[in-house]
Amino acid sequence: MTREIIFYKNYFIDFYLAQDSKVQEKIEYVFKLIRTVERVPEKFLKHIETTDGLYEIRIKHRGDIYRILCCFDEGRVVILFNAFQKKTQKTPKKEIEKGLKLKQGYFQNKKGGKS
C-alpha cells in the first residue's frame, strides 16, 4: 500500500526550500508516513471541516506548527497545494480559501488534459 505525493505548481516547493534542514526532515518523515501507512494518524493528516475534500498535513517542530494543504485524487495520490507556518489556533481562512482555489485549478487542469 503506497500513496504518491504530487506537488501542484510550486507553492509547496517554495515553502519547503525556505525552511531549515530540521523542518525539512520532519516534513520528509510525515510524507513517508503518508506514503506508506494505511491509516495515517489524525495528528499528521486531518480533513478540514467545512471544506470539500481539503486536508491539512500537520507538522510540529520545536513548538512551531506548519500546515500543508492537500487533497486526494483517485484515492492513492496526494496533491500538495499551499503551505504555511501556523501562528494562531485556527487555520487562517485565507490559507483555506487559497487551498480550495488551488484544488479547483488542479482538477480543472486535469480535466482539460494539462497538469
PDB file of N, CA and C in Angstrom:
ATOM      1  N   MET A   1       0.859  -1.179   0.000  1.00  0.00           N
ATOM      2  CA  MET A   1       0.000   0.000   0.000  1.00  0.00           C
ATOM      3  C   MET A   1       0.897   1.230   0.000  1.00  0.00           C
ATOM      4  N   THR A   2       0.883   1.952  -1.082  1.00  0.00           N
ATOM      5  CA  THR A   2       1.630   3.205  -1.087  1.00  0.00           C
ATOM      6  C   THR A   2       0.796   4.289  -1.737  1.00  0.00           C
ATOM      7  N   ARG A   3       1.037   5.495  -1.293  1.00  0.00           N
ATOM      8  CA  ARG A   3       0.418   6.669  -1.906  1.00  0.00           C
ATOM      9  C   ARG A   3       1.518   7.429  -2.619  1.00  0.00           C
ATOM     10  N   GLU A   4       1.098   8.162  -3.610  1.00  0.00           N
ATOM     11  CA  GLU A   4       2.035   9.012  -4.341  1.00  0.00           C
ATOM     12  C   GLU A   4       1.759  10.452  -3.925  1.00  0.00           C
ATOM     13  N   ILE A   5       2.808  11.235  -3.746  1.00  0.00           N
ATOM     14  CA  ILE A   5       2.648  12.650  -3.393  1.00  0.00           C
ATOM     15  C   ILE A   5       3.077  13.481  -4.591  1.00  0.00           C
ATOM     16  N   ILE A   6       2.186  14.372  -5.008  1.00  0.00           N
ATOM     17  CA  ILE A   6       2.447  15.234  -6.168  1.00  0.00           C
ATOM     18  C   ILE A   6       2.360  16.689  -5.718  1.00  0.00           C
ATOM     19  N   PHE A   7       3.240  17.505  -6.242  1.00  0.00           N
ATOM     20  CA  PHE A   7       3.219  18.942  -5.932  1.00  0.00           C
ATOM     21  C   PHE A   7       2.470  19.655  -7.055  1.00  0.00           C
ATOM     22  N   TYR A   8       1.437  20.400  -6.693  1.00  0.00           N
ATOM     23  CA  TYR A   8       0.711  21.193  -7.689  1.00  0.00           C
ATOM     24  C   TYR A   8       1.376  22.561  -7.777  1.00  0.00           C
ATOM     25  N   LYS A   9       1.862  22.884  -8.952  1.00  0.00           N
ATOM     26  CA  LYS A   9       2.632  24.112  -9.196  1.00  0.00           C
ATOM     27  C   LYS A   9       3.802  24.131  -8.211  1.00  0.00           C
ATOM     28  N   ASN A  10       4.269  25.292  -7.778  1.00  0.00           N
ATOM     29  CA  ASN A  10       5.441  25.269  -6.897  1.00  0.00           C
ATOM     30  C   ASN A  10       5.217  25.948  -5.544  1.00  0.00           C
ATOM     31  N   TYR A  11       3.961  26.054  -5.122  1.00  0.00           N
ATOM     32  CA  TYR A  11       3.669  26.691  -3.828  1.00  0.00           C
ATOM     33  C   TYR A  11       4.351  25.950  -2.685  1.00  0.00           C
ATOM     34  N   PHE A  12       4.197  24.622  -2.662  1.00  0.00           N
ATOM     35  CA  PHE A  12       4.810  23.855  -1.577  1.00  0.00           C
ATOM     36  C   PHE A  12       6.330  23.868  -1.674  1.00  0.00           C
ATOM     37  N   ILE A  13       6.867  23.674  -2.882  1.00  0.00           N
ATOM     38  CA  ILE A  13       8.328  23.626  -3.076  1.00  0.00           C
ATOM     39  C   ILE A  13       8.977  24.918  -2.559  1.00  0.00           C
ATOM     40  N   ASP A  14       8.386  26.051  -2.903  1.00  0.00           N
ATOM     41  CA  ASP A  14       8.933  27.344  -2.439  1.00  0.00           C
ATOM     42  C   ASP A  14       8.950  27.409  -0.918  1.00  0.00           C
ATOM     43  N   PHE A  15       7.877  26.957  -0.292  1.00  0.00           N
ATOM     44  CA  PHE A  15       7.793  26.936   1.169  1.00  0.00           C
ATOM     45  C   PHE A  15       8.863  26.004   1.752  1.00  0.00           C
ATOM     46  N   TYR A  16       8.940  24.809   1.192  1.00  0.00           N
ATOM     47  CA  TYR A  16       9.875  23.780   1.680  1.00  0.00           C
ATOM     48  C   TYR A  16      11.319  24.271   1.623  1.00  0.00           C
ATOM     49  N   LEU A  17      11.692  24.864   0.507  1.00  0.00           N
ATOM     50  CA  LEU A  17      13.078  25.330   0.334  1.00  0.00           C
ATOM     51  C   LEU A  17      13.435  26.463   1.291  1.00  0.00           C
ATOM     52  N   ALA A  18      12.430  27.176   1.779  1.00  0.00           N
ATOM     53  CA  ALA A  18      12.673  28.289   2.703  1.00  0.00           C
ATOM     54  C   ALA A  18      12.856  27.812   4.151  1.00  0.00           C
ATOM     55  N   GLN A  19      12.590  26.530   4.427  1.00  0.00           N
ATOM     56  CA  GLN A  19      12.681  26.009   5.794  1.00  0.00           C
ATOM     57  C   GLN A  19      14.093  25.503   6.089  1.00  0.00           C
ATOM     58  N   ASP A  20      14.432  25.461   7.386  1.00  0.00           N
ATOM     59  CA  ASP A  20      15.747  24.915   7.728  1.00  0.00           C
ATOM     60  C   ASP A  20      15.727  23.391   7.606  1.00  0.00           C
ATOM     61  N   SER A  21      16.893  22.784   7.639  1.00  0.00           N
ATOM     62  CA  SER A  21      17.008  21.344   7.365  1.00  0.00           C
ATOM     63  C   SER A  21      16.232  20.490   8.365  1.00  0.00           C
ATOM     64  N   LYS A  22      16.137  20.920   9.615  1.00  0.00           N
ATOM     65  CA  LYS A  22      15.403  20.133  10.622  1.00  0.00           C
ATOM     66  C   LYS A  22      13.907  20.103  10.301  1.00  0.00           C
ATOM     67  N   VAL A  23      13.361  21.226   9.879  1.00  0.00           N
ATOM     68  CA  VAL A  23      11.943  21.274   9.493  1.00  0.00           C
ATOM     69  C   VAL A  23      11.742  20.426   8.239  1.00  0.00           C
ATOM     70  N   GLN A  24      12.664  20.514   7.286  1.00  0.00           N
ATOM     71  CA  GLN A  24      12.576  19.701   6.075  1.00  0.00           C
ATOM     72  C   GLN A  24      12.588  18.207   6.417  1.00  0.00           C
ATOM     73  N   GLU A  25      13.440  17.809   7.358  1.00  0.00           N
ATOM     74  CA  GLU A  25      13.494  16.402   7.783  1.00  0.00           C
ATOM     75  C   GLU A  25      12.162  15.960   8.369  1.00  0.00           C
ATOM     76  N   LYS A  26      11.558  16.812   9.172  1.00  0.00           N
ATOM     77  CA  LYS A  26      10.273  16.480   9.789  1.00  0.00           C
ATOM     78  C   LYS A  26       9.193  16.346   8.714  1.00  0.00           C
ATOM     79  N   ILE A  27       9.217  17.240   7.732  1.00  0.00           N
ATOM     80  CA  ILE A  27       8.267  17.158   6.621  1.00  0.00           C
ATOM     81  C   ILE A  27       8.457  15.832   5.880  1.00  0.00           C
ATOM     82  N   GLU A  28       9.704  15.469   5.608  1.00  0.00           N
ATOM     83  CA  GLU A  28      10.001  14.202   4.911  1.00  0.00           C
ATOM     84  C   GLU A  28       9.492  13.003   5.721  1.00  0.00           C
ATOM     85  N   TYR A  29       9.649  13.059   7.023  1.00  0.00           N
ATOM     86  CA  TYR A  29       9.180  11.985   7.895  1.00  0.00           C
ATOM     87  C   TYR A  29       7.661  11.814   7.760  1.00  0.00           C
ATOM     88  N   VAL A  30       6.942  12.927   7.815  1.00  0.00           N
ATOM     89  CA  VAL A  30       5.481  12.865   7.718  1.00  0.00           C
ATOM     90  C   VAL A  30       5.068  12.392   6.318  1.00  0.00           C
ATOM     91  N   PHE A  31       5.795  12.837   5.286  1.00  0.00           N
ATOM     92  CA  PHE A  31       5.493  12.366   3.920  1.00  0.00           C
ATOM     93  C   PHE A  31       5.679  10.850   3.826  1.00  0.00           C
ATOM     94  N   LYS A  32       6.708  10.342   4.478  1.00  0.00           N
ATOM     95  CA  LYS A  32       6.954   8.896   4.452  1.00  0.00           C
ATOM     96  C   LYS A  32       5.770   8.148   5.078  1.00  0.00           C
ATOM     97  N   LEU A  33       5.265   8.669   6.193  1.00  0.00           N
ATOM     98  CA  LEU A  33       4.079   8.073   6.825  1.00  0.00           C
ATOM     99  C   LEU A  33       2.894   8.077   5.857  1.00  0.00           C
ATOM    100  N   ILE A  34       2.665   9.226   5.241  1.00  0.00           N
ATOM    101  CA  ILE A  34       1.526   9.358   4.330  1.00  0.00           C
ATOM    102  C   ILE A  34       1.660   8.380   3.159  1.00  0.00           C
ATOM    103  N   ARG A  35       2.886   8.216   2.666  1.00  0.00           N
ATOM    104  CA  ARG A  35       3.104   7.303   1.539  1.00  0.00           C
ATOM    105  C   ARG A  35       2.876   5.839   1.917  1.00  0.00           C
ATOM    106  N   THR A  36       3.210   5.460   3.157  1.00  0.00           N
ATOM    107  CA  THR A  36       3.289   4.035   3.484  1.00  0.00           C
ATOM    108  C   THR A  36       2.275   3.509   4.494  1.00  0.00           C
ATOM    109  N   VAL A  37       1.690   4.353   5.317  1.00  0.00           N
ATOM    110  CA  VAL A  37       0.788   3.878   6.371  1.00  0.00           C
ATOM    111  C   VAL A  37      -0.656   3.907   5.866  1.00  0.00           C
ATOM    112  N   GLU A  38      -1.348   2.787   6.042  1.00  0.00           N
ATOM    113  CA  GLU A  38      -2.739   2.682   5.565  1.00  0.00           C
ATOM    114  C   GLU A  38      -3.629   3.761   6.189  1.00  0.00           C
ATOM    115  N   ARG A  39      -3.626   3.830   7.524  1.00  0.00           N
ATOM    116  CA  ARG A  39      -4.442   4.837   8.219  1.00  0.00           C
ATOM    117  C   ARG A  39      -3.514   5.824   8.928  1.00  0.00           C
ATOM    118  N   VAL A  40      -3.289   6.944   8.283  1.00  0.00           N
ATOM    119  CA  VAL A  40      -2.388   7.958   8.832  1.00  0.00           C
ATOM    120  C   VAL A  40      -3.073   8.595  10.046  1.00  0.00           C
ATOM    121  N   PRO A  41      -2.379   8.650  11.197  1.00  0.00           N
ATOM    122  CA  PRO A  41      -2.988   9.265  12.390  1.00  0.00           C
ATOM    123  C   PRO A  41      -3.394  10.720  12.119  1.00  0.00           C
ATOM    124  N   GLU A  42      -4.522  11.111  12.723  1.00  0.00           N
ATOM    125  CA  GLU A  42      -5.040  12.464  12.550  1.00  0.00           C
ATOM    126  C   GLU A  42      -4.040  13.523  13.015  1.00  0.00           C
ATOM    127  N   LYS A  43      -3.148  13.128  13.883  1.00  0.00           N
ATOM    128  CA  LYS A  43      -2.091  14.031  14.342  1.00  0.00           C
ATOM    129  C   LYS A  43      -1.270  14.556  13.149  1.00  0.00           C
ATOM    130  N   PHE A  44      -1.185  13.758  12.072  1.00  0.00           N
ATOM    131  CA  PHE A  44      -0.379  14.123  10.906  1.00  0.00           C
ATOM    132  C   PHE A  44      -1.184  14.508   9.667  1.00  0.00           C
ATOM    133  N   LEU A  45      -2.416  14.016   9.573  1.00  0.00           N
ATOM    134  CA  LEU A  45      -3.233  14.295   8.388  1.00  0.00           C
ATOM    135  C   LEU A  45      -4.686  14.371   8.810  1.00  0.00           C
ATOM    136  N   LYS A  46      -5.300  15.517   8.554  1.00  0.00           N
ATOM    137  CA  LYS A  46      -6.666  15.715   9.046  1.00  0.00           C
ATOM    138  C   LYS A  46      -7.500  16.447   8.016  1.00  0.00           C
ATOM    139  N   HIS A  47      -8.748  15.984   7.860  1.00  0.00           N
ATOM    140  CA  HIS A  47      -9.690  16.678   6.975  1.00  0.00           C
ATOM    141  C   HIS A  47     -10.054  18.011   7.616  1.00  0.00           C
ATOM    142  N   ILE A  48     -10.113  19.058   6.809  1.00  0.00           N
ATOM    143  CA  ILE A  48     -10.510  20.370   7.330  1.00  0.00           C
ATOM    144  C   ILE A  48     -12.026  20.441   7.229  1.00  0.00           C
ATOM    145  N   GLU A  49     -12.677  20.535   8.362  1.00  0.00           N
ATOM    146  CA  GLU A  49     -14.137  20.601   8.372  1.00  0.00           C
ATOM    147  C   GLU A  49     -14.594  21.806   7.575  1.00  0.00           C
ATOM    148  N   THR A  50     -15.788  21.723   7.059  1.00  0.00           N
ATOM    149  CA  THR A  50     -16.408  22.777   6.242  1.00  0.00           C
ATOM    150  C   THR A  50     -15.746  22.954   4.874  1.00  0.00           C
ATOM    151  N   THR A  51     -14.833  22.075   4.501  1.00  0.00           N
ATOM    152  CA  THR A  51     -14.270  22.166   3.151  1.00  0.00           C
ATOM    153  C   THR A  51     -14.623  20.902   2.402  1.00  0.00           C
ATOM    154  N   ASP A  52     -14.643  21.005   1.124  1.00  0.00           N
ATOM    155  CA  ASP A  52     -14.990  19.867   0.288  1.00  0.00           C
ATOM    156  C   ASP A  52     -13.717  19.111  -0.085  1.00  0.00           C
ATOM    157  N   GLY A  53     -13.313  18.192   0.789  1.00  0.00           N
ATOM    158  CA  GLY A  53     -12.180  17.329   0.459  1.00  0.00           C
ATOM    159  C   GLY A  53     -10.803  17.940   0.619  1.00  0.00           C
ATOM    160  N   LEU A  54     -10.685  19.045   1.367  1.00  0.00           N
ATOM    161  CA  LEU A  54      -9.374  19.640   1.612  1.00  0.00           C
ATOM    162  C   LEU A  54      -8.845  19.101   2.946  1.00  0.00           C
ATOM    163  N   TYR A  55      -7.582  18.700   2.940  1.00  0.00           N
ATOM    164  CA  TYR A  55      -6.935  18.148   4.132  1.00  0.00           C
ATOM    165  C   TYR A  55      -5.747  19.014   4.498  1.00  0.00           C
ATOM    166  N   GLU A  56      -5.302  18.872   5.745  1.00  0.00           N
ATOM    167  CA  GLU A  56      -4.060  19.535   6.134  1.00  0.00           C
ATOM    168  C   GLU A  56      -3.092  18.485   6.656  1.00  0.00           C
ATOM    169  N   ILE A  57      -1.869  18.565   6.149  1.00  0.00           N
ATOM    170  CA  ILE A  57      -0.781  17.760   6.673  1.00  0.00           C
ATOM    171  C   ILE A  57      -0.217  18.579   7.820  1.00  0.00           C
ATOM    172  N   ARG A  58      -0.077  17.951   8.973  1.00  0.00           N
ATOM    173  CA  ARG A  58       0.268  18.677  10.197  1.00  0.00           C
ATOM    174  C   ARG A  58       1.685  18.322  10.631  1.00  0.00           C
ATOM    175  N   ILE A  59       2.502  19.345  10.751  1.00  0.00           N
ATOM    176  CA  ILE A  59       3.888  19.139  11.149  1.00  0.00           C
ATOM    177  C   ILE A  59       4.181  20.047  12.336  1.00  0.00           C
ATOM    178  N   LYS A  60       4.801  19.454  13.348  1.00  0.00           N
ATOM    179  CA  LYS A  60       5.167  20.230  14.529  1.00  0.00           C
ATOM    180  C   LYS A  60       6.658  20.018  14.757  1.00  0.00           C
ATOM    181  N   HIS A  61       7.370  21.119  14.933  1.00  0.00           N
ATOM    182  CA  HIS A  61       8.807  21.023  15.184  1.00  0.00           C
ATOM    183  C   HIS A  61       9.203  22.106  16.170  1.00  0.00           C
ATOM    184  N   ARG A  62       9.722  21.687  17.307  1.00  0.00           N
ATOM    185  CA  ARG A  62      10.174  22.619  18.356  1.00  0.00           C
ATOM    186  C   ARG A  62       9.146  23.696  18.678  1.00  0.00           C
ATOM    187  N   GLY A  63       7.917  23.294  18.837  1.00  0.00           N
ATOM    188  CA  GLY A  63       6.876  24.259  19.202  1.00  0.00           C
ATOM    189  C   GLY A  63       6.313  25.037  18.027  1.00  0.00           C
ATOM    190  N   ASP A  64       6.956  24.975  16.878  1.00  0.00           N
ATOM    191  CA  ASP A  64       6.403  25.635  15.698  1.00  0.00           C
ATOM    192  C   ASP A  64       5.471  24.667  14.988  1.00  0.00           C
ATOM    193  N   ILE A  65       4.425  25.218  14.416  1.00  0.00           N
ATOM    194  CA  ILE A  65       3.426  24.391  13.746  1.00  0.00           C
ATOM    195  C   ILE A  65       3.365  24.796  12.277  1.00  0.00           C
ATOM    196  N   TYR A  66       3.395  23.791  11.419  1.00  0.00           N
ATOM    197  CA  TYR A  66       3.350  24.010   9.971  1.00  0.00           C
ATOM    198  C   TYR A  66       2.179  23.232   9.408  1.00  0.00           C
ATOM    199  N   ARG A  67       1.572  23.780   8.365  1.00  0.00           N
ATOM    200  CA  ARG A  67       0.466  23.106   7.691  1.00  0.00           C
ATOM    201  C   ARG A  67       0.716  23.100   6.196  1.00  0.00           C
ATOM    202  N   ILE A  68       0.381  21.973   5.582  1.00  0.00           N
ATOM    203  CA  ILE A  68       0.440  21.843   4.132  1.00  0.00           C
ATOM    204  C   ILE A  68      -0.954  21.416   3.710  1.00  0.00           C
ATOM    205  N   LEU A  69      -1.611  22.220   2.883  1.00  0.00           N
ATOM    206  CA  LEU A  69      -2.953  21.878   2.451  1.00  0.00           C
ATOM    207  C   LEU A  69      -2.871  20.962   1.235  1.00  0.00           C
ATOM    208  N   CYS A  70      -3.765  19.994   1.189  1.00  0.00           N
ATOM    209  CA  CYS A  70      -3.710  18.987   0.137  1.00  0.00           C
ATOM    210  C   CYS A  70      -5.083  18.372  -0.083  1.00  0.00           C
ATOM    211  N   CYS A  71      -5.168  17.519  -1.095  1.00  0.00           N
ATOM    212  CA  CYS A  71      -6.375  16.718  -1.307  1.00  0.00           C
ATOM    213  C   CYS A  71      -5.952  15.385  -1.896  1.00  0.00           C
ATOM    214  N   PHE A  72      -6.892  14.476  -1.978  1.00  0.00           N
ATOM    215  CA  PHE A  72      -6.636  13.177  -2.592  1.00  0.00           C
ATOM    216  C   PHE A  72      -7.194  13.178  -4.002  1.00  0.00           C
ATOM    217  N   ASP A  73      -6.526  12.464  -4.878  1.00  0.00           N
ATOM    218  CA  ASP A  73      -7.011  12.280  -6.240  1.00  0.00           C
ATOM    219  C   ASP A  73      -6.908  10.789  -6.536  1.00  0.00           C
ATOM    220  N   GLU A  74      -8.014  10.194  -6.929  1.00  0.00           N
ATOM    221  CA  GLU A  74      -8.041   8.766  -7.241  1.00  0.00           C
ATOM    222  C   GLU A  74      -7.532   7.915  -6.074  1.00  0.00           C
ATOM    223  N   GLY A  75      -7.806   8.357  -4.855  1.00  0.00           N
ATOM    224  CA  GLY A  75      -7.541   7.553  -3.667  1.00  0.00           C
ATOM    225  C   GLY A  75      -6.105   7.432  -3.204  1.00  0.00           C
ATOM    226  N   ARG A  76      -5.178   7.171  -4.105  1.00  0.00           N
ATOM    227  CA  ARG A  76      -3.789   6.894  -3.713  1.00  0.00           C
ATOM    228  C   ARG A  76      -2.827   8.027  -4.023  1.00  0.00           C
ATOM    229  N   VAL A  77      -3.359   9.123  -4.558  1.00  0.00           N
ATOM    230  CA  VAL A  77      -2.500  10.247  -4.919  1.00  0.00           C
ATOM    231  C   VAL A  77      -2.835  11.424  -4.014  1.00  0.00           C
ATOM    232  N   VAL A  78      -1.804  12.004  -3.411  1.00  0.00           N
ATOM    233  CA  VAL A  78      -1.992  13.177  -2.554  1.00  0.00           C
ATOM    234  C   VAL A  78      -1.419  14.377  -3.306  1.00  0.00           C
ATOM    235  N   ILE A  79      -2.249  15.383  -3.527  1.00  0.00           N
ATOM    236  CA  ILE A  79      -1.833  16.582  -4.246  1.00  0.00           C
ATOM    237  C   ILE A  79      -1.563  17.681  -3.218  1.00  0.00           C
ATOM    238  N   LEU A  80      -0.338  18.215  -3.209  1.00  0.00           N
ATOM    239  CA  LEU A  80       0.019  19.268  -2.254  1.00  0.00           C
ATOM    240  C   LEU A  80      -0.223  20.638  -2.867  1.00  0.00           C
ATOM    241  N   PHE A  81      -0.793  21.506  -2.065  1.00  0.00           N
ATOM    242  CA  PHE A  81      -1.052  22.874  -2.509  1.00  0.00           C
ATOM    243  C   PHE A  81      -0.163  23.833  -1.710  1.00  0.00           C
ATOM    244  N   ASN A  82      -0.776  24.790  -1.039  1.00  0.00           N
ATOM    245  CA  ASN A  82      -0.018  25.785  -0.290  1.00  0.00           C
ATOM    246  C   ASN A  82       0.397  25.275   1.083  1.00  0.00           C
ATOM    247  N   ALA A  83       1.428  25.896   1.634  1.00  0.00           N
ATOM    248  CA  ALA A  83       1.927  25.544   2.963  1.00  0.00           C
ATOM    249  C   ALA A  83       2.244  26.836   3.712  1.00  0.00           C
ATOM    250  N   PHE A  84       2.195  26.760   5.028  1.00  0.00           N
ATOM    251  CA  PHE A  84       2.445  27.968   5.822  1.00  0.00           C
ATOM    252  C   PHE A  84       2.793  27.569   7.246  1.00  0.00           C
ATOM    253  N   GLN A  85       3.385  28.513   7.963  1.00  0.00           N
ATOM    254  CA  GLN A  85       3.630  28.311   9.387  1.00  0.00           C
ATOM    255  C   GLN A  85       2.417  28.874  10.114  1.00  0.00           C
ATOM    256  N   LYS A  86       1.886  28.090  11.015  1.00  0.00           N
ATOM    257  CA  LYS A  86       0.670  28.472  11.726  1.00  0.00           C
ATOM    258  C   LYS A  86       1.022  29.308  12.949  1.00  0.00           C
ATOM    259  N   LYS A  87       0.364  30.449  13.066  1.00  0.00           N
ATOM    260  CA  LYS A  87       0.650  31.358  14.179  1.00  0.00           C
ATOM    261  C   LYS A  87      -0.510  31.444  15.175  1.00  0.00           C
ATOM    262  N   THR A  88      -1.675  30.916  14.793  1.00  0.00           N
ATOM    263  CA  THR A  88      -2.860  31.016  15.646  1.00  0.00           C
ATOM    264  C   THR A  88      -3.470  29.630  15.827  1.00  0.00           C
ATOM    265  N   GLN A  89      -4.444  29.517  16.728  1.00  0.00           N
ATOM    266  CA  GLN A  89      -5.119  28.238  16.972  1.00  0.00           C
ATOM    267  C   GLN A  89      -5.795  27.716  15.715  1.00  0.00           C
ATOM    268  N   LYS A  90      -6.526  28.605  15.044  1.00  0.00           N
ATOM    269  CA  LYS A  90      -7.283  28.182  13.868  1.00  0.00           C
ATOM    270  C   LYS A  90      -6.450  28.336  12.599  1.00  0.00           C
ATOM    271  N   THR A  91      -6.704  27.441  11.644  1.00  0.00           N
ATOM    272  CA  THR A  91      -6.055  27.568  10.339  1.00  0.00           C
ATOM    273  C   THR A  91      -6.619  28.828   9.678  1.00  0.00           C
ATOM    274  N   PRO A  92      -5.737  29.746   9.238  1.00  0.00           N
ATOM    275  CA  PRO A  92      -6.219  31.009   8.658  1.00  0.00           C
ATOM    276  C   PRO A  92      -7.164  30.778   7.473  1.00  0.00           C
ATOM    277  N   LYS A  93      -8.270  31.509   7.496  1.00  0.00           N
ATOM    278  CA  LYS A  93      -9.297  31.387   6.460  1.00  0.00           C
ATOM    279  C   LYS A  93      -8.713  31.659   5.071  1.00  0.00           C
ATOM    280  N   LYS A  94      -7.821  32.645   4.965  1.00  0.00           N
ATOM    281  CA  LYS A  94      -7.266  32.963   3.639  1.00  0.00           C
ATOM    282  C   LYS A  94      -6.414  31.822   3.087  1.00  0.00           C
ATOM    283  N   GLU A  95      -5.767  31.069   3.974  1.00  0.00           N
ATOM    284  CA  GLU A  95      -4.989  29.905   3.523  1.00  0.00           C
ATOM    285  C   GLU A  95      -5.918  28.791   3.036  1.00  0.00           C
ATOM    286  N   ILE A  96      -7.030  28.600   3.749  1.00  0.00           N
ATOM    287  CA  ILE A  96      -8.008  27.589   3.330  1.00  0.00           C
ATOM    288  C   ILE A  96      -8.598  27.983   1.978  1.00  0.00           C
ATOM    289  N   GLU A  97      -8.950  29.264   1.834  1.00  0.00           N
ATOM    290  CA  GLU A  97      -9.511  29.732   0.557  1.00  0.00           C
ATOM    291  C   GLU A  97      -8.506  29.536  -0.575  1.00  0.00           C
ATOM    292  N   LYS A  98      -7.246  29.830  -0.306  1.00  0.00           N
ATOM    293  CA  LYS A  98      -6.192  29.632  -1.314  1.00  0.00           C
ATOM    294  C   LYS A  98      -6.079  28.147  -1.674  1.00  0.00           C
ATOM    295  N   GLY A  99      -6.096  27.276  -0.668  1.00  0.00           N
ATOM    296  CA  GLY A  99      -6.035  25.835  -0.905  1.00  0.00           C
ATOM    297  C   GLY A  99      -7.199  25.344  -1.756  1.00  0.00           C
ATOM    298  N   LEU A 100      -8.398  25.843  -1.459  1.00  0.00           N
ATOM    299  CA  LEU A 100      -9.579  25.438  -2.227  1.00  0.00           C
ATOM    300  C   LEU A 100      -9.479  25.913  -3.674  1.00  0.00           C
ATOM    301  N   LYS A 101      -8.963  27.129  -3.856  1.00  0.00           N
ATOM    302  CA  LYS A 101      -8.795  27.670  -5.206  1.00  0.00           C
ATOM    303  C   LYS A 101      -7.767  26.844  -5.997  1.00  0.00           C
ATOM    304  N   LEU A 102      -6.674  26.467  -5.337  1.00  0.00           N
ATOM    305  CA  LEU A 102      -5.652  25.648  -5.998  1.00  0.00           C
ATOM    306  C   LEU A 102      -6.199  24.258  -6.334  1.00  0.00           C
ATOM    307  N   LYS A 103      -6.988  23.710  -5.425  1.00  0.00           N
ATOM    308  CA  LYS A 103      -7.607  22.397  -5.666  1.00  0.00           C
ATOM    309  C   LYS A 103      -8.506  22.470  -6.893  1.00  0.00           C
ATOM    310  N   GLN A 104      -9.308  23.516  -6.957  1.00  0.00           N
ATOM    311  CA  GLN A 104     -10.205  23.711  -8.100  1.00  0.00           C
ATOM    312  C   GLN A 104      -9.392  23.826  -9.396  1.00  0.00           C
ATOM    313  N   GLY A 105      -8.309  24.594  -9.344  1.00  0.00           N
ATOM    314  CA  GLY A 105      -7.434  24.752 -10.507  1.00  0.00           C
ATOM    315  C   GLY A 105      -6.812  23.440 -10.935  1.00  0.00           C
ATOM    316  N   TYR A 106      -6.402  22.636  -9.964  1.00  0.00           N
ATOM    317  CA  TYR A 106      -5.798  21.333 -10.260  1.00  0.00           C
ATOM    318  C   TYR A 106      -6.773  20.446 -11.032  1.00  0.00           C
ATOM    319  N   PHE A 107      -8.000  20.339 -10.527  1.00  0.00           N
ATOM    320  CA  PHE A 107      -8.969  19.449 -11.174  1.00  0.00           C
ATOM    321  C   PHE A 107      -9.434  20.000 -12.526  1.00  0.00           C
ATOM    322  N   GLN A 108      -9.492  21.330 -12.663  1.00  0.00           N
ATOM    323  CA  GLN A 108      -9.836  21.909 -13.970  1.00  0.00           C
ATOM    324  C   GLN A 108      -8.742  21.611 -14.987  1.00  0.00           C
ATOM    325  N   ASN A 109      -7.484  21.793 -14.572  1.00  0.00           N
ATOM    326  CA  ASN A 109      -6.363  21.486 -15.470  1.00  0.00           C
ATOM    327  C   ASN A 109      -6.361  20.013 -15.855  1.00  0.00           C
ATOM    328  N   LYS A 110      -6.642  19.165 -14.882  1.00  0.00           N
ATOM    329  CA  LYS A 110      -6.643  17.718 -15.117  1.00  0.00           C
ATOM    330  C   LYS A 110      -7.718  17.353 -16.141  1.00  0.00           C
ATOM    331  N   LYS A 111      -8.889  17.943 -15.979  1.00  0.00           N
ATOM    332  CA  LYS A 111      -9.997  17.683 -16.902  1.00  0.00           C
ATOM    333  C   LYS A 111      -9.646  18.145 -18.309  1.00  0.00           C
ATOM    334  N   GLY A 112      -8.943  19.292 -18.369  1.00  0.00           N
ATOM    335  CA  GLY A 112      -8.545  19.839 -19.661  1.00  0.00           C
ATOM    336  C   GLY A 112      -7.321  19.159 -20.256  1.00  0.00           C
ATOM    337  N   GLY A 113      -6.767  18.198 -19.531  1.00  0.00           N
ATOM    338  CA  GLY A 113      -5.612  17.451 -20.038  1.00  0.00           C
ATOM    339  C   GLY A 113      -4.267  18.071 -19.718  1.00  0.00           C
ATOM    340  N   LYS A 114      -4.270  19.188 -18.961  1.00  0.00           N
ATOM    341  CA  LYS A 114      -2.996  19.825 -18.572  1.00  0.00           C
ATOM    342  C   LYS A 114      -2.777  19.565 -17.094  1.00  0.00           C
ATOM    343  N   SER A 115      -1.501  19.445 -16.688  1.00  0.00           N
ATOM    344  CA  SER A 115      -1.252  19.310 -15.250  1.00  0.00           C
ATOM    345  C   SER A 115      -0.169  20.244 -14.828  1.00  0.00           C
TER     346      SER A 115
END
